């Protein structure tokens, strides 16, 4: 086993996004880029956030194809401008699979690099 081999023990697959390639989280008048998404979690960036762990957030995800999905959850962690949320109302598996296919079509090398594969 080398440094790139690992076991994913998460319940849901996490889909990382390249810069500018993810959906937008629309909440309270703000439109924020999502940098990682799963059926039950998301991470978005917010330069001037005042969010704290335990705080509730709600809004909608706006996907590249124009569709929107309501989400709400609880902040679990903030690191610099990145906010991690455990979703109580999350993303459907079909939407996650569609997003993965879209990324493979439009950013074929990104998912390989994000997964630690050798280029």
N, C-alpha and C. Protein backbone atom coordinates (compact mmCIF):
# COMPACT_ATOMS: atom_id res chain seq x y z
N UNK A 1 0.86 -1.18 0.00
CA UNK A 1 0.00 0.00 0.00
C UNK A 1 0.90 1.24 0.00
N UNK A 2 0.68 2.15 -0.95
CA UNK A 2 1.50 3.36 -0.97
C UNK A 2 0.74 4.53 -0.37
N UNK A 3 1.36 5.72 -0.42
CA UNK A 3 0.77 6.89 0.23
C UNK A 3 -0.57 7.31 -0.36
N UNK A 4 -0.87 6.86 -1.58
CA UNK A 4 -2.12 7.25 -2.23
C UNK A 4 -3.26 6.28 -1.94
N UNK A 5 -2.94 5.10 -1.40
CA UNK A 5 -3.98 4.13 -1.06
C UNK A 5 -4.58 4.51 0.29
N UNK A 6 -5.88 4.49 0.37
CA UNK A 6 -6.54 4.76 1.64
C UNK A 6 -7.94 4.15 1.62
N UNK A 7 -8.50 4.02 2.77
CA UNK A 7 -9.85 3.48 2.90
C UNK A 7 -10.78 4.63 3.23
N UNK A 8 -11.84 4.76 2.45
CA UNK A 8 -12.83 5.80 2.71
C UNK A 8 -13.87 5.22 3.65
N UNK A 9 -13.91 5.71 4.86
CA UNK A 9 -14.84 5.20 5.86
C UNK A 9 -16.07 6.09 6.01
N UNK A 10 -16.23 7.01 5.12
CA UNK A 10 -17.38 7.91 5.19
C UNK A 10 -18.63 7.20 4.68
N UNK A 11 -19.77 7.62 5.17
CA UNK A 11 -21.03 7.01 4.75
C UNK A 11 -21.42 7.42 3.34
N UNK A 12 -21.00 8.63 2.94
CA UNK A 12 -21.38 9.15 1.63
C UNK A 12 -20.13 9.64 0.90
N UNK A 13 -20.10 9.36 -0.40
CA UNK A 13 -19.01 9.79 -1.25
C UNK A 13 -18.95 11.32 -1.29
N UNK A 14 -17.77 11.86 -1.13
CA UNK A 14 -17.58 13.31 -1.22
C UNK A 14 -17.09 13.66 -2.62
N UNK A 15 -17.72 14.65 -3.20
CA UNK A 15 -17.36 15.10 -4.54
C UNK A 15 -16.69 16.46 -4.43
N UNK A 16 -15.38 16.51 -4.65
CA UNK A 16 -14.69 17.81 -4.64
C UNK A 16 -14.91 18.52 -5.98
N UNK A 17 -14.88 19.83 -5.95
CA UNK A 17 -15.07 20.61 -7.17
C UNK A 17 -13.82 21.42 -7.48
N UNK A 18 -13.51 21.57 -8.77
CA UNK A 18 -12.42 22.47 -9.15
C UNK A 18 -12.87 23.91 -8.95
N UNK A 19 -11.95 24.84 -8.85
CA UNK A 19 -12.33 26.25 -8.69
C UNK A 19 -13.32 26.68 -9.78
N UNK A 20 -14.45 27.21 -9.36
CA UNK A 20 -15.47 27.67 -10.29
C UNK A 20 -16.34 26.58 -10.89
N UNK A 21 -16.11 25.33 -10.51
CA UNK A 21 -16.84 24.22 -11.12
C UNK A 21 -18.01 23.69 -10.32
N UNK A 22 -18.21 24.19 -9.12
CA UNK A 22 -19.25 23.65 -8.25
C UNK A 22 -20.54 24.44 -8.28
N UNK A 23 -21.55 23.91 -7.61
CA UNK A 23 -22.80 24.66 -7.48
C UNK A 23 -22.61 25.86 -6.56
N UNK A 24 -23.63 26.68 -6.48
CA UNK A 24 -23.61 27.84 -5.59
C UNK A 24 -24.59 27.59 -4.45
N UNK A 25 -24.20 27.98 -3.25
CA UNK A 25 -25.09 27.92 -2.09
C UNK A 25 -25.68 29.31 -1.92
N UNK A 26 -26.99 29.42 -2.11
CA UNK A 26 -27.68 30.71 -2.03
C UNK A 26 -28.40 30.75 -0.69
N UNK A 27 -28.01 31.72 0.15
CA UNK A 27 -28.58 31.81 1.49
C UNK A 27 -28.56 33.26 1.97
N UNK A 28 -29.66 33.72 2.49
CA UNK A 28 -29.72 35.04 3.10
C UNK A 28 -29.13 36.17 2.27
N UNK A 29 -29.35 36.16 0.99
CA UNK A 29 -28.83 37.22 0.13
C UNK A 29 -27.40 37.00 -0.33
N UNK A 30 -26.74 35.97 0.16
CA UNK A 30 -25.36 35.66 -0.26
C UNK A 30 -25.38 34.49 -1.24
N UNK A 31 -24.45 34.52 -2.18
CA UNK A 31 -24.27 33.43 -3.13
C UNK A 31 -22.83 32.96 -2.98
N UNK A 32 -22.66 31.72 -2.49
CA UNK A 32 -21.35 31.24 -2.06
C UNK A 32 -20.95 29.99 -2.85
N UNK A 33 -19.68 29.90 -3.27
CA UNK A 33 -19.24 28.73 -4.03
C UNK A 33 -19.08 27.49 -3.16
N UNK A 34 -19.65 26.38 -3.63
CA UNK A 34 -19.50 25.09 -2.95
C UNK A 34 -18.22 24.44 -3.48
N UNK A 35 -17.37 23.97 -2.56
CA UNK A 35 -16.10 23.36 -2.97
C UNK A 35 -16.09 21.85 -2.77
N UNK A 36 -17.07 21.33 -2.03
CA UNK A 36 -17.18 19.88 -1.83
C UNK A 36 -18.62 19.57 -1.45
N UNK A 37 -19.12 18.42 -1.96
CA UNK A 37 -20.52 18.08 -1.73
C UNK A 37 -20.69 16.58 -1.59
N UNK A 38 -21.58 16.18 -0.69
CA UNK A 38 -22.02 14.79 -0.58
C UNK A 38 -23.52 14.81 -0.33
N UNK A 39 -24.11 13.64 -0.23
CA UNK A 39 -25.55 13.58 0.03
C UNK A 39 -25.91 14.21 1.37
N UNK A 40 -25.01 14.18 2.32
CA UNK A 40 -25.31 14.67 3.67
C UNK A 40 -24.30 15.69 4.19
N UNK A 41 -23.56 16.32 3.29
CA UNK A 41 -22.62 17.33 3.75
C UNK A 41 -22.17 18.22 2.61
N UNK A 42 -21.69 19.39 2.96
CA UNK A 42 -21.12 20.29 1.96
C UNK A 42 -20.10 21.19 2.62
N UNK A 43 -19.21 21.69 1.79
CA UNK A 43 -18.28 22.72 2.22
C UNK A 43 -18.38 23.85 1.21
N UNK A 44 -18.44 25.06 1.73
CA UNK A 44 -18.47 26.23 0.87
C UNK A 44 -17.48 27.24 1.41
N UNK A 45 -17.13 28.21 0.57
CA UNK A 45 -16.23 29.26 1.02
C UNK A 45 -17.01 30.53 1.24
N UNK A 46 -16.61 31.25 2.28
CA UNK A 46 -17.26 32.51 2.65
C UNK A 46 -16.17 33.35 3.31
N UNK A 47 -15.68 34.33 2.59
CA UNK A 47 -14.53 35.12 3.07
C UNK A 47 -14.79 35.84 4.39
N UNK A 48 -15.98 36.35 4.59
CA UNK A 48 -16.26 37.16 5.79
C UNK A 48 -17.31 36.54 6.69
N UNK A 49 -17.26 35.22 6.82
CA UNK A 49 -18.31 34.56 7.60
C UNK A 49 -18.13 34.79 9.10
N UNK A 50 -19.23 34.70 9.81
CA UNK A 50 -19.22 34.75 11.28
C UNK A 50 -19.90 33.50 11.81
N UNK A 51 -19.91 32.45 11.00
CA UNK A 51 -20.59 31.21 11.38
C UNK A 51 -19.75 30.44 12.39
N UNK A 52 -20.45 29.79 13.32
CA UNK A 52 -19.78 29.00 14.35
C UNK A 52 -20.34 27.59 14.35
N UNK A 53 -19.53 26.61 14.78
CA UNK A 53 -20.05 25.25 14.88
C UNK A 53 -21.34 25.21 15.70
N UNK A 54 -22.30 24.43 15.22
CA UNK A 54 -23.60 24.32 15.87
C UNK A 54 -24.65 25.25 15.29
N UNK A 55 -24.22 26.23 14.52
CA UNK A 55 -25.17 27.19 13.93
C UNK A 55 -25.91 26.55 12.76
N UNK A 56 -27.17 26.87 12.62
CA UNK A 56 -28.01 26.32 11.55
C UNK A 56 -27.88 27.20 10.32
N UNK A 57 -27.80 26.57 9.15
CA UNK A 57 -27.79 27.30 7.87
C UNK A 57 -28.83 26.66 6.96
N UNK A 58 -29.44 27.47 6.11
CA UNK A 58 -30.45 26.97 5.17
C UNK A 58 -30.40 27.82 3.91
N UNK A 59 -30.77 27.22 2.82
CA UNK A 59 -30.80 27.92 1.55
C UNK A 59 -31.06 26.94 0.44
N UNK A 60 -30.49 27.23 -0.72
CA UNK A 60 -30.65 26.31 -1.84
C UNK A 60 -29.34 26.20 -2.59
N UNK A 61 -29.14 25.04 -3.18
CA UNK A 61 -28.01 24.83 -4.06
C UNK A 61 -28.47 25.12 -5.48
N UNK A 62 -27.71 25.93 -6.18
CA UNK A 62 -28.01 26.23 -7.58
C UNK A 62 -26.94 25.54 -8.43
N UNK A 63 -27.38 24.59 -9.23
CA UNK A 63 -26.46 23.81 -10.05
C UNK A 63 -26.26 24.45 -11.41
N UNK A 64 -25.20 24.02 -12.09
CA UNK A 64 -24.83 24.61 -13.37
C UNK A 64 -25.96 24.55 -14.41
N UNK A 65 -26.78 23.50 -14.35
CA UNK A 65 -27.86 23.36 -15.33
C UNK A 65 -29.09 24.21 -14.99
N UNK A 66 -28.99 25.01 -13.91
CA UNK A 66 -30.07 25.90 -13.52
C UNK A 66 -31.03 25.32 -12.50
N UNK A 67 -30.95 24.03 -12.23
CA UNK A 67 -31.84 23.45 -11.23
C UNK A 67 -31.38 23.85 -9.83
N UNK A 68 -32.33 23.83 -8.92
CA UNK A 68 -32.04 24.21 -7.53
C UNK A 68 -32.56 23.13 -6.60
N UNK A 69 -31.88 22.98 -5.47
CA UNK A 69 -32.30 22.00 -4.46
C UNK A 69 -32.21 22.66 -3.09
N UNK A 70 -33.29 22.60 -2.30
CA UNK A 70 -33.24 23.17 -0.95
C UNK A 70 -32.34 22.32 -0.06
N UNK A 71 -31.57 23.00 0.79
CA UNK A 71 -30.71 22.32 1.76
C UNK A 71 -30.78 23.06 3.08
N UNK A 72 -30.60 22.32 4.16
CA UNK A 72 -30.38 22.97 5.44
C UNK A 72 -29.56 22.03 6.29
N UNK A 73 -28.80 22.62 7.20
CA UNK A 73 -27.92 21.81 8.02
C UNK A 73 -27.31 22.59 9.16
N UNK A 74 -26.29 21.98 9.74
CA UNK A 74 -25.62 22.54 10.91
C UNK A 74 -24.13 22.66 10.61
N UNK A 75 -23.57 23.80 10.93
CA UNK A 75 -22.13 24.01 10.76
C UNK A 75 -21.40 23.08 11.72
N UNK A 76 -20.45 22.31 11.18
CA UNK A 76 -19.66 21.41 12.03
C UNK A 76 -18.23 21.90 12.21
N UNK A 77 -17.77 22.74 11.27
CA UNK A 77 -16.38 23.18 11.35
C UNK A 77 -16.18 24.38 10.44
N UNK A 78 -15.30 25.28 10.86
CA UNK A 78 -14.85 26.37 10.00
C UNK A 78 -13.33 26.42 10.07
N UNK A 79 -12.71 26.49 8.91
CA UNK A 79 -11.26 26.63 8.83
C UNK A 79 -10.99 27.72 7.81
N UNK A 80 -10.47 28.84 8.31
CA UNK A 80 -10.26 30.04 7.48
C UNK A 80 -11.57 30.42 6.83
N UNK A 81 -11.62 30.45 5.50
CA UNK A 81 -12.84 30.87 4.82
C UNK A 81 -13.72 29.68 4.41
N UNK A 82 -13.35 28.50 4.83
CA UNK A 82 -14.08 27.30 4.43
C UNK A 82 -15.02 26.85 5.56
N UNK A 83 -16.28 26.63 5.21
CA UNK A 83 -17.30 26.25 6.19
C UNK A 83 -17.83 24.85 5.84
N UNK A 84 -17.77 23.93 6.80
CA UNK A 84 -18.28 22.56 6.60
C UNK A 84 -19.62 22.42 7.30
N UNK A 85 -20.58 21.84 6.58
CA UNK A 85 -21.95 21.72 7.08
C UNK A 85 -22.42 20.27 6.97
N UNK A 86 -23.00 19.75 8.05
CA UNK A 86 -23.69 18.45 8.02
C UNK A 86 -25.12 18.75 7.62
N UNK A 87 -25.53 18.20 6.50
CA UNK A 87 -26.86 18.50 5.97
C UNK A 87 -27.93 17.64 6.62
N UNK A 88 -28.98 18.29 7.10
CA UNK A 88 -30.15 17.60 7.63
C UNK A 88 -31.13 17.31 6.49
N UNK A 89 -31.20 18.24 5.55
CA UNK A 89 -31.92 18.04 4.30
C UNK A 89 -30.86 18.16 3.23
N UNK A 90 -30.54 17.04 2.60
CA UNK A 90 -29.38 17.00 1.72
C UNK A 90 -29.70 16.84 0.25
N UNK A 91 -28.72 16.31 -0.44
CA UNK A 91 -28.75 16.18 -1.89
C UNK A 91 -29.10 14.74 -2.26
N UNK A 92 -29.98 14.56 -3.22
CA UNK A 92 -30.37 13.22 -3.65
C UNK A 92 -29.23 12.52 -4.38
N UNK A 93 -29.18 11.21 -4.25
CA UNK A 93 -28.13 10.42 -4.89
C UNK A 93 -28.10 10.65 -6.40
N UNK A 94 -29.26 10.71 -7.04
CA UNK A 94 -29.30 10.94 -8.48
C UNK A 94 -28.62 12.24 -8.88
N UNK A 95 -28.80 13.28 -8.07
CA UNK A 95 -28.15 14.57 -8.35
C UNK A 95 -26.64 14.44 -8.18
N UNK A 96 -26.21 13.71 -7.15
CA UNK A 96 -24.78 13.51 -6.93
C UNK A 96 -24.15 12.77 -8.12
N UNK A 97 -24.83 11.76 -8.61
CA UNK A 97 -24.31 11.01 -9.75
C UNK A 97 -24.25 11.88 -11.00
N UNK A 98 -25.26 12.72 -11.20
CA UNK A 98 -25.26 13.64 -12.34
C UNK A 98 -24.10 14.62 -12.23
N UNK A 99 -23.83 15.10 -11.02
CA UNK A 99 -22.71 16.03 -10.82
C UNK A 99 -21.38 15.34 -11.11
N UNK A 100 -21.24 14.09 -10.67
CA UNK A 100 -20.01 13.36 -10.93
C UNK A 100 -19.81 13.17 -12.43
N UNK A 101 -20.86 12.82 -13.15
CA UNK A 101 -20.76 12.66 -14.61
C UNK A 101 -20.39 13.99 -15.27
N UNK A 102 -20.98 15.08 -14.79
CA UNK A 102 -20.67 16.40 -15.37
C UNK A 102 -19.20 16.75 -15.16
N UNK A 103 -18.70 16.49 -13.97
CA UNK A 103 -17.28 16.79 -13.71
C UNK A 103 -16.37 15.92 -14.56
N UNK A 104 -16.71 14.66 -14.72
CA UNK A 104 -15.89 13.78 -15.55
C UNK A 104 -15.88 14.25 -17.00
N UNK A 105 -17.00 14.80 -17.46
CA UNK A 105 -17.09 15.32 -18.83
C UNK A 105 -16.30 16.62 -19.00
N UNK A 106 -16.47 17.55 -18.07
CA UNK A 106 -15.91 18.88 -18.23
C UNK A 106 -14.54 19.08 -17.58
N UNK A 107 -14.20 18.27 -16.60
CA UNK A 107 -12.93 18.38 -15.88
C UNK A 107 -12.33 16.98 -15.72
N UNK A 108 -12.01 16.29 -16.82
CA UNK A 108 -11.62 14.88 -16.72
C UNK A 108 -10.39 14.62 -15.85
N UNK A 109 -9.47 15.52 -15.80
CA UNK A 109 -8.26 15.29 -14.99
C UNK A 109 -8.45 15.65 -13.53
N UNK A 110 -9.41 16.51 -13.23
CA UNK A 110 -9.55 17.01 -11.86
C UNK A 110 -9.86 15.91 -10.86
N UNK A 111 -10.84 15.06 -11.14
CA UNK A 111 -11.21 14.03 -10.18
C UNK A 111 -10.09 13.02 -9.98
N UNK A 112 -9.32 12.75 -11.02
CA UNK A 112 -8.18 11.85 -10.87
C UNK A 112 -7.18 12.45 -9.89
N UNK A 113 -6.89 13.74 -10.04
CA UNK A 113 -5.92 14.40 -9.16
C UNK A 113 -6.48 14.54 -7.76
N UNK A 114 -7.76 14.83 -7.63
CA UNK A 114 -8.37 15.00 -6.31
C UNK A 114 -8.38 13.68 -5.54
N UNK A 115 -8.44 12.57 -6.26
CA UNK A 115 -8.46 11.26 -5.62
C UNK A 115 -7.05 10.77 -5.31
N UNK A 116 -6.04 11.53 -5.71
CA UNK A 116 -4.67 11.14 -5.42
C UNK A 116 -4.05 10.24 -6.47
N UNK A 117 -4.71 10.07 -7.59
CA UNK A 117 -4.16 9.23 -8.65
C UNK A 117 -2.94 9.91 -9.26
N UNK A 118 -2.05 9.11 -9.73
CA UNK A 118 -0.84 9.64 -10.36
C UNK A 118 -1.17 10.10 -11.77
N UNK A 119 -0.75 11.32 -12.08
CA UNK A 119 -1.04 11.88 -13.41
C UNK A 119 -0.08 11.35 -14.44
